[in-house]
Amino acid sequence: VQKFQAIDPVETFPQLFGTVVGTLVGYQANIML
């Protein structure tokens, strides 16, 4: 039943693109010395 239809990333997920930097949810970098 799977029908092939190529996706347009920008049209399907417009939030993935833009001029502002993204913010990874749920993670923080911890620098241990």
PDB file of all heavy atoms in Angstrom:
ATOM      1  N   VAL A   1       0.802  -1.227   0.000  1.00  0.00           N
ATOM      2  CA  VAL A   1       0.000   0.000   0.000  1.00  0.00           C
ATOM      3  C   VAL A   1       0.828   1.268   0.000  1.00  0.00           C
ATOM      4  O   VAL A   1       0.310   2.327  -0.263  1.00  0.00           O
ATOM      5  CB  VAL A   1      -0.909   0.097   1.238  1.00  0.00           C
ATOM      6  CG1 VAL A   1      -2.344   0.181   0.869  1.00  0.00           C
ATOM      7  CG2 VAL A   1      -0.625  -0.919   2.261  1.00  0.00           C
ATOM      8  N   GLN A   2       2.106   1.145   0.342  1.00  0.00           N
ATOM      9  CA  GLN A   2       2.936   2.347   0.379  1.00  0.00           C
ATOM     10  C   GLN A   2       3.073   2.928  -1.033  1.00  0.00           C
ATOM     11  O   GLN A   2       3.528   2.262  -1.941  1.00  0.00           O
ATOM     12  CB  GLN A   2       4.326   2.024   0.944  1.00  0.00           C
ATOM     13  CG  GLN A   2       4.308   1.402   2.324  1.00  0.00           C
ATOM     14  CD  GLN A   2       3.625   2.277   3.331  1.00  0.00           C
ATOM     15  OE1 GLN A   2       3.850   3.479   3.367  1.00  0.00           O
ATOM     16  NE2 GLN A   2       2.771   1.697   4.157  1.00  0.00           N
ATOM     17  N   LYS A   3       2.674   4.167  -1.201  1.00  0.00           N
ATOM     18  CA  LYS A   3       2.770   4.848  -2.496  1.00  0.00           C
ATOM     19  C   LYS A   3       3.920   5.851  -2.438  1.00  0.00           C
ATOM     20  O   LYS A   3       4.022   6.635  -1.488  1.00  0.00           O
ATOM     21  CB  LYS A   3       1.461   5.579  -2.810  1.00  0.00           C
ATOM     22  CG  LYS A   3       0.265   4.640  -2.932  1.00  0.00           C
ATOM     23  CD  LYS A   3       0.346   3.818  -4.204  1.00  0.00           C
ATOM     24  CE  LYS A   3      -0.950   3.092  -4.476  1.00  0.00           C
ATOM     25  NZ  LYS A   3      -1.249   2.041  -3.507  1.00  0.00           N
ATOM     26  N   PHE A   4       4.770   5.826  -3.459  1.00  0.00           N
ATOM     27  CA  PHE A   4       5.900   6.755  -3.449  1.00  0.00           C
ATOM     28  C   PHE A   4       5.478   8.152  -3.865  1.00  0.00           C
ATOM     29  O   PHE A   4       4.852   8.349  -4.893  1.00  0.00           O
ATOM     30  CB  PHE A   4       7.008   6.266  -4.392  1.00  0.00           C
ATOM     31  CG  PHE A   4       8.124   7.260  -4.511  1.00  0.00           C
ATOM     32  CD1 PHE A   4       8.944   7.511  -3.429  1.00  0.00           C
ATOM     33  CD2 PHE A   4       8.342   7.966  -5.681  1.00  0.00           C
ATOM     34  CE1 PHE A   4       9.977   8.439  -3.521  1.00  0.00           C
ATOM     35  CE2 PHE A   4       9.366   8.889  -5.777  1.00  0.00           C
ATOM     36  CZ  PHE A   4      10.178   9.119  -4.699  1.00  0.00           C
ATOM     37  N   GLN A   5       5.797   9.108  -3.031  1.00  0.00           N
ATOM     38  CA  GLN A   5       5.573  10.514  -3.357  1.00  0.00           C
ATOM     39  C   GLN A   5       6.708  11.301  -2.709  1.00  0.00           C
ATOM     40  O   GLN A   5       6.784  11.401  -1.487  1.00  0.00           O
ATOM     41  CB  GLN A   5       4.218  10.991  -2.824  1.00  0.00           C
ATOM     42  CG  GLN A   5       3.938  12.440  -3.189  1.00  0.00           C
ATOM     43  CD  GLN A   5       2.573  12.890  -2.682  1.00  0.00           C
ATOM     44  OE1 GLN A   5       1.852  12.131  -2.065  1.00  0.00           O
ATOM     45  NE2 GLN A   5       2.229  14.130  -2.949  1.00  0.00           N
ATOM     46  N   ALA A   6       7.611  11.781  -3.537  1.00  0.00           N
ATOM     47  CA  ALA A   6       8.782  12.483  -3.012  1.00  0.00           C
ATOM     48  C   ALA A   6       8.343  13.680  -2.183  1.00  0.00           C
ATOM     49  O   ALA A   6       7.433  14.417  -2.562  1.00  0.00           O
ATOM     50  CB  ALA A   6       9.679  12.944  -4.161  1.00  0.00           C
ATOM     51  N   ILE A   7       8.986  13.874  -1.027  1.00  0.00           N
ATOM     52  CA  ILE A   7       8.605  14.979  -0.159  1.00  0.00           C
ATOM     53  C   ILE A   7       9.524  16.171  -0.401  1.00  0.00           C
ATOM     54  O   ILE A   7      10.693  16.023  -0.742  1.00  0.00           O
ATOM     55  CB  ILE A   7       8.667  14.575   1.323  1.00  0.00           C
ATOM     56  CG1 ILE A   7      10.083  14.127   1.731  1.00  0.00           C
ATOM     57  CG2 ILE A   7       7.651  13.496   1.635  1.00  0.00           C
ATOM     58  CD1 ILE A   7      10.233  13.899   3.205  1.00  0.00           C
ATOM     59  N   ASP A   8       8.963  17.334  -0.217  1.00  0.00           N
ATOM     60  CA  ASP A   8       9.720  18.575  -0.262  1.00  0.00           C
ATOM     61  C   ASP A   8      10.000  18.959   1.187  1.00  0.00           C
ATOM     62  O   ASP A   8       9.079  19.349   1.912  1.00  0.00           O
ATOM     63  CB  ASP A   8       8.910  19.664  -0.964  1.00  0.00           C
ATOM     64  CG  ASP A   8       9.660  20.982  -1.050  1.00  0.00           C
ATOM     65  OD1 ASP A   8      10.616  21.174  -0.269  1.00  0.00           O
ATOM     66  OD2 ASP A   8       9.290  21.821  -1.885  1.00  0.00           O
ATOM     67  N   PRO A   9      11.268  18.837   1.646  1.00  0.00           N
ATOM     68  CA  PRO A   9      11.560  19.106   3.064  1.00  0.00           C
ATOM     69  C   PRO A   9      11.107  20.493   3.520  1.00  0.00           C
ATOM     70  O   PRO A   9      10.567  20.643   4.615  1.00  0.00           O
ATOM     71  CB  PRO A   9      13.084  18.965   3.138  1.00  0.00           C
ATOM     72  CG  PRO A   9      13.436  18.059   2.015  1.00  0.00           C
ATOM     73  CD  PRO A   9      12.460  18.389   0.915  1.00  0.00           C
ATOM     74  N   VAL A  10      11.316  21.514   2.681  1.00  0.00           N
ATOM     75  CA  VAL A  10      10.975  22.878   3.085  1.00  0.00           C
ATOM     76  C   VAL A  10       9.457  23.044   3.209  1.00  0.00           C
ATOM     77  O   VAL A  10       8.959  23.712   4.109  1.00  0.00           O
ATOM     78  CB  VAL A  10      11.550  23.905   2.082  1.00  0.00           C
ATOM     79  CG1 VAL A  10      11.194  25.318   2.499  1.00  0.00           C
ATOM     80  CG2 VAL A  10      13.062  23.755   1.981  1.00  0.00           C
ATOM     81  N   GLU A  11       8.726  22.407   2.312  1.00  0.00           N
ATOM     82  CA  GLU A  11       7.270  22.512   2.346  1.00  0.00           C
ATOM     83  C   GLU A  11       6.673  21.676   3.483  1.00  0.00           C
ATOM     84  O   GLU A  11       5.734  22.095   4.161  1.00  0.00           O
ATOM     85  CB  GLU A  11       6.690  22.046   1.008  1.00  0.00           C
ATOM     86  CG  GLU A  11       5.176  22.166   0.914  1.00  0.00           C
ATOM     87  CD  GLU A  11       4.664  21.722  -0.450  1.00  0.00           C
ATOM     88  OE1 GLU A  11       5.285  22.086  -1.474  1.00  0.00           O
ATOM     89  OE2 GLU A  11       3.658  21.003  -0.483  1.00  0.00           O
ATOM     90  N   THR A  12       7.256  20.488   3.709  1.00  0.00           N
ATOM     91  CA  THR A  12       6.714  19.582   4.721  1.00  0.00           C
ATOM     92  C   THR A  12       7.091  20.006   6.131  1.00  0.00           C
ATOM     93  O   THR A  12       6.287  19.907   7.060  1.00  0.00           O
ATOM     94  CB  THR A  12       7.220  18.148   4.463  1.00  0.00           C
ATOM     95  OG1 THR A  12       7.015  17.810   3.092  1.00  0.00           O
ATOM     96  CG2 THR A  12       6.479  17.145   5.335  1.00  0.00           C
ATOM     97  N   PHE A  13       8.332  20.473   6.310  1.00  0.00           N
ATOM     98  CA  PHE A  13       8.806  20.877   7.639  1.00  0.00           C
ATOM     99  C   PHE A  13       9.447  22.263   7.558  1.00  0.00           C
ATOM    100  O   PHE A  13      10.675  22.402   7.689  1.00  0.00           O
ATOM    101  CB  PHE A  13       9.827  19.870   8.170  1.00  0.00           C
ATOM    102  CG  PHE A  13       9.270  18.499   8.425  1.00  0.00           C
ATOM    103  CD1 PHE A  13       9.490  17.474   7.514  1.00  0.00           C
ATOM    104  CD2 PHE A  13       8.526  18.223   9.556  1.00  0.00           C
ATOM    105  CE1 PHE A  13       8.986  16.207   7.733  1.00  0.00           C
ATOM    106  CE2 PHE A  13       8.017  16.957   9.790  1.00  0.00           C
ATOM    107  CZ  PHE A  13       8.237  15.945   8.871  1.00  0.00           C
ATOM    108  N   PRO A  14       8.650  23.316   7.338  1.00  0.00           N
ATOM    109  CA  PRO A  14       9.232  24.655   7.203  1.00  0.00           C
ATOM    110  C   PRO A  14       9.965  25.120   8.458  1.00  0.00           C
ATOM    111  O   PRO A  14      10.881  25.943   8.383  1.00  0.00           O
ATOM    112  CB  PRO A  14       8.003  25.538   6.923  1.00  0.00           C
ATOM    113  CG  PRO A  14       6.831  24.768   7.445  1.00  0.00           C
ATOM    114  CD  PRO A  14       7.180  23.326   7.231  1.00  0.00           C
ATOM    115  N   GLN A  15       9.589  24.560   9.631  1.00  0.00           N
ATOM    116  CA  GLN A  15      10.231  24.976  10.880  1.00  0.00           C
ATOM    117  C   GLN A  15      11.700  24.578  10.933  1.00  0.00           C
ATOM    118  O   GLN A  15      12.467  25.106  11.743  1.00  0.00           O
ATOM    119  CB  GLN A  15       9.509  24.347  12.087  1.00  0.00           C
ATOM    120  CG  GLN A  15       8.010  24.540  12.096  1.00  0.00           C
ATOM    121  CD  GLN A  15       7.270  23.368  11.456  1.00  0.00           C
ATOM    122  OE1 GLN A  15       7.658  22.914  10.390  1.00  0.00           O
ATOM    123  NE2 GLN A  15       6.229  22.880  12.106  1.00  0.00           N
ATOM    124  N   LEU A  16      12.107  23.633  10.067  1.00  0.00           N
ATOM    125  CA  LEU A  16      13.499  23.173  10.070  1.00  0.00           C
ATOM    126  C   LEU A  16      14.453  24.171   9.440  1.00  0.00           C
ATOM    127  O   LEU A  16      15.665  24.002   9.522  1.00  0.00           O
ATOM    128  CB  LEU A  16      13.611  21.847   9.306  1.00  0.00           C
ATOM    129  CG  LEU A  16      13.154  20.584  10.041  1.00  0.00           C
ATOM    130  CD1 LEU A  16      13.100  19.407   9.096  1.00  0.00           C
ATOM    131  CD2 LEU A  16      14.072  20.278  11.212  1.00  0.00           C
ATOM    132  N   PHE A  17      13.891  25.184   8.789  1.00  0.00           N
ATOM    133  CA  PHE A  17      14.730  26.111   8.041  1.00  0.00           C
ATOM    134  C   PHE A  17      14.478  27.535   8.516  1.00  0.00           C
ATOM    135  O   PHE A  17      13.395  27.873   8.972  1.00  0.00           O
ATOM    136  CB  PHE A  17      14.450  25.982   6.544  1.00  0.00           C
ATOM    137  CG  PHE A  17      14.603  24.579   6.034  1.00  0.00           C
ATOM    138  CD1 PHE A  17      13.531  23.707   6.008  1.00  0.00           C
ATOM    139  CD2 PHE A  17      15.837  24.112   5.621  1.00  0.00           C
ATOM    140  CE1 PHE A  17      13.670  22.405   5.572  1.00  0.00           C
ATOM    141  CE2 PHE A  17      15.993  22.810   5.182  1.00  0.00           C
ATOM    142  CZ  PHE A  17      14.913  21.952   5.159  1.00  0.00           C
ATOM    143  N   GLY A  18      15.485  28.373   8.387  1.00  0.00           N
ATOM    144  CA  GLY A  18      15.347  29.763   8.807  1.00  0.00           C
ATOM    145  C   GLY A  18      16.702  30.333   9.155  1.00  0.00           C
ATOM    146  O   GLY A  18      17.722  29.632   9.163  1.00  0.00           O
ATOM    147  N   THR A  19      16.711  31.613   9.469  1.00  0.00           N
ATOM    148  CA  THR A  19      17.974  32.296   9.748  1.00  0.00           C
ATOM    149  C   THR A  19      18.403  32.158  11.203  1.00  0.00           C
ATOM    150  O   THR A  19      19.581  32.294  11.519  1.00  0.00           O
ATOM    151  CB  THR A  19      17.839  33.788   9.404  1.00  0.00           C
ATOM    152  OG1 THR A  19      16.732  34.339  10.131  1.00  0.00           O
ATOM    153  CG2 THR A  19      17.585  33.973   7.912  1.00  0.00           C
ATOM    154  N   VAL A  20      17.450  31.885  12.099  1.00  0.00           N
ATOM    155  CA  VAL A  20      17.780  31.798  13.523  1.00  0.00           C
ATOM    156  C   VAL A  20      18.287  30.401  13.852  1.00  0.00           C
ATOM    157  O   VAL A  20      17.792  29.406  13.325  1.00  0.00           O
ATOM    158  CB  VAL A  20      16.540  32.128  14.384  1.00  0.00           C
ATOM    159  CG1 VAL A  20      16.869  32.016  15.870  1.00  0.00           C
ATOM    160  CG2 VAL A  20      16.035  33.519  14.058  1.00  0.00           C
ATOM    161  N   VAL A  21      19.287  30.330  14.721  1.00  0.00           N
ATOM    162  CA  VAL A  21      19.866  29.043  15.104  1.00  0.00           C
ATOM    163  C   VAL A  21      18.833  28.234  15.881  1.00  0.00           C
ATOM    164  O   VAL A  21      18.011  28.770  16.620  1.00  0.00           O
ATOM    165  CB  VAL A  21      21.139  29.266  15.947  1.00  0.00           C
ATOM    166  CG1 VAL A  21      20.827  29.908  17.287  1.00  0.00           C
ATOM    167  CG2 VAL A  21      21.893  27.964  16.146  1.00  0.00           C
ATOM    168  N   GLY A  22      18.866  26.892  15.701  1.00  0.00           N
ATOM    169  CA  GLY A  22      17.940  26.021  16.413  1.00  0.00           C
ATOM    170  C   GLY A  22      18.361  25.819  17.860  1.00  0.00           C
ATOM    171  O   GLY A  22      19.451  26.225  18.278  1.00  0.00           O
ATOM    172  N   THR A  23      17.474  25.181  18.629  1.00  0.00           N
ATOM    173  CA  THR A  23      17.773  24.860  20.019  1.00  0.00           C
ATOM    174  C   THR A  23      17.398  23.413  20.273  1.00  0.00           C
ATOM    175  O   THR A  23      16.212  23.058  20.259  1.00  0.00           O
ATOM    176  CB  THR A  23      16.997  25.770  20.994  1.00  0.00           C
ATOM    177  OG1 THR A  23      17.350  27.136  20.747  1.00  0.00           O
ATOM    178  CG2 THR A  23      17.334  25.425  22.439  1.00  0.00           C
ATOM    179  N   LEU A  24      18.383  22.567  20.489  1.00  0.00           N
ATOM    180  CA  LEU A  24      18.169  21.144  20.724  1.00  0.00           C
ATOM    181  C   LEU A  24      17.435  20.958  22.044  1.00  0.00           C
ATOM    182  O   LEU A  24      17.898  21.394  23.104  1.00  0.00           O
ATOM    183  CB  LEU A  24      19.519  20.423  20.741  1.00  0.00           C
ATOM    184  CG  LEU A  24      19.502  18.917  20.935  1.00  0.00           C
ATOM    185  CD1 LEU A  24      18.703  18.225  19.840  1.00  0.00           C
ATOM    186  CD2 LEU A  24      20.930  18.378  20.964  1.00  0.00           C
ATOM    187  N   VAL A  25      16.280  20.293  21.978  1.00  0.00           N
ATOM    188  CA  VAL A  25      15.413  20.129  23.146  1.00  0.00           C
ATOM    189  C   VAL A  25      15.938  19.017  24.045  1.00  0.00           C
ATOM    190  O   VAL A  25      16.277  17.932  23.580  1.00  0.00           O
ATOM    191  CB  VAL A  25      13.972  19.798  22.700  1.00  0.00           C
ATOM    192  CG1 VAL A  25      13.078  19.533  23.910  1.00  0.00           C
ATOM    193  CG2 VAL A  25      13.408  20.921  21.851  1.00  0.00           C
ATOM    194  N   GLY A  26      16.005  19.295  25.336  1.00  0.00           N
ATOM    195  CA  GLY A  26      16.308  18.258  26.308  1.00  0.00           C
ATOM    196  C   GLY A  26      17.768  17.977  26.572  1.00  0.00           C
ATOM    197  O   GLY A  26      18.096  17.031  27.290  1.00  0.00           O
ATOM    198  N   TYR A  27      18.673  18.775  25.996  1.00  0.00           N
ATOM    199  CA  TYR A  27      20.107  18.532  26.177  1.00  0.00           C
ATOM    200  C   TYR A  27      20.829  19.831  26.528  1.00  0.00           C
ATOM    201  O   TYR A  27      20.487  20.896  26.005  1.00  0.00           O
ATOM    202  CB  TYR A  27      20.743  17.953  24.915  1.00  0.00           C
ATOM    203  CG  TYR A  27      20.201  16.593  24.522  1.00  0.00           C
ATOM    204  CD1 TYR A  27      19.118  16.487  23.661  1.00  0.00           C
ATOM    205  CD2 TYR A  27      20.789  15.423  25.011  1.00  0.00           C
ATOM    206  CE1 TYR A  27      18.619  15.237  23.306  1.00  0.00           C
ATOM    207  CE2 TYR A  27      20.300  14.176  24.656  1.00  0.00           C
ATOM    208  CZ  TYR A  27      19.210  14.091  23.797  1.00  0.00           C
ATOM    209  OH  TYR A  27      18.721  12.865  23.445  1.00  0.00           O
ATOM    210  N   GLN A  28      21.822  19.720  27.398  1.00  0.00           N
ATOM    211  CA  GLN A  28      22.722  20.832  27.698  1.00  0.00           C
ATOM    212  C   GLN A  28      24.147  20.292  27.762  1.00  0.00           C
ATOM    213  O   GLN A  28      24.378  19.204  28.288  1.00  0.00           O
ATOM    214  CB  GLN A  28      22.360  21.500  29.034  1.00  0.00           C
ATOM    215  CG  GLN A  28      21.124  22.378  28.982  1.00  0.00           C
ATOM    216  CD  GLN A  28      20.957  23.210  30.244  1.00  0.00           C
ATOM    217  OE1 GLN A  28      21.523  22.905  31.295  1.00  0.00           O
ATOM    218  NE2 GLN A  28      20.186  24.273  30.146  1.00  0.00           N
ATOM    219  N   ALA A  29      25.073  21.079  27.222  1.00  0.00           N
ATOM    220  CA  ALA A  29      26.482  20.683  27.270  1.00  0.00           C
ATOM    221  C   ALA A  29      27.044  21.019  28.649  1.00  0.00           C
ATOM    222  O   ALA A  29      26.881  22.135  29.143  1.00  0.00           O
ATOM    223  CB  ALA A  29      27.271  21.413  26.185  1.00  0.00           C
ATOM    224  N   ASN A  30      27.691  20.049  29.243  1.00  0.00           N
ATOM    225  CA  ASN A  30      28.300  20.242  30.560  1.00  0.00           C
ATOM    226  C   ASN A  30      29.803  20.040  30.418  1.00  0.00           C
ATOM    227  O   ASN A  30      30.259  18.954  30.058  1.00  0.00           O
ATOM    228  CB  ASN A  30      27.702  19.239  31.549  1.00  0.00           C
ATOM    229  CG  ASN A  30      28.130  19.522  32.983  1.00  0.00           C
ATOM    230  OD1 ASN A  30      28.707  20.566  33.270  1.00  0.00           O
ATOM    231  ND2 ASN A  30      27.871  18.588  33.860  1.00  0.00           N
ATOM    232  N   ILE A  31      30.568  21.098  30.658  1.00  0.00           N
ATOM    233  CA  ILE A  31      32.027  21.043  30.524  1.00  0.00           C
ATOM    234  C   ILE A  31      32.628  20.681  31.876  1.00  0.00           C
ATOM    235  O   ILE A  31      32.524  21.452  32.836  1.00  0.00           O
ATOM    236  CB  ILE A  31      32.602  22.391  30.037  1.00  0.00           C
ATOM    237  CG1 ILE A  31      31.819  22.927  28.835  1.00  0.00           C
ATOM    238  CG2 ILE A  31      34.085  22.257  29.721  1.00  0.00           C
ATOM    239  CD1 ILE A  31      31.827  22.032  27.635  1.00  0.00           C
ATOM    240  N   MET A  32      33.231  19.498  31.951  1.00  0.00           N
ATOM    241  CA  MET A  32      33.818  19.024  33.203  1.00  0.00           C
ATOM    242  C   MET A  32      35.338  19.207  33.162  1.00  0.00           C
ATOM    243  O   MET A  32      35.991  18.771  32.206  1.00  0.00           O
ATOM    244  CB  MET A  32      33.491  17.542  33.409  1.00  0.00           C
ATOM    245  CG  MET A  32      31.998  17.229  33.408  1.00  0.00           C
ATOM    246  SD  MET A  32      31.128  17.972  34.811  1.00  0.00           S
ATOM    247  CE  MET A  32      31.836  17.043  36.154  1.00  0.00           C
ATOM    248  N   LEU A  33      35.893  19.869  34.184  1.00  0.00           N
ATOM    249  CA  LEU A  33      37.336  20.097  34.258  1.00  0.00           C
ATOM    250  C   LEU A  33      37.968  19.205  35.320  1.00  0.00           C
ATOM    251  O   LEU A  33      37.324  18.824  36.302  1.00  0.00           O
ATOM    252  CB  LEU A  33      37.633  21.561  34.587  1.00  0.00           C
ATOM    253  CG  LEU A  33      37.111  22.624  33.607  1.00  0.00           C
ATOM    254  CD1 LEU A  33      37.652  23.995  33.999  1.00  0.00           C
ATOM    255  CD2 LEU A  33      37.489  22.290  32.168  1.00  0.00           C
TER     256      LEU A  33
END
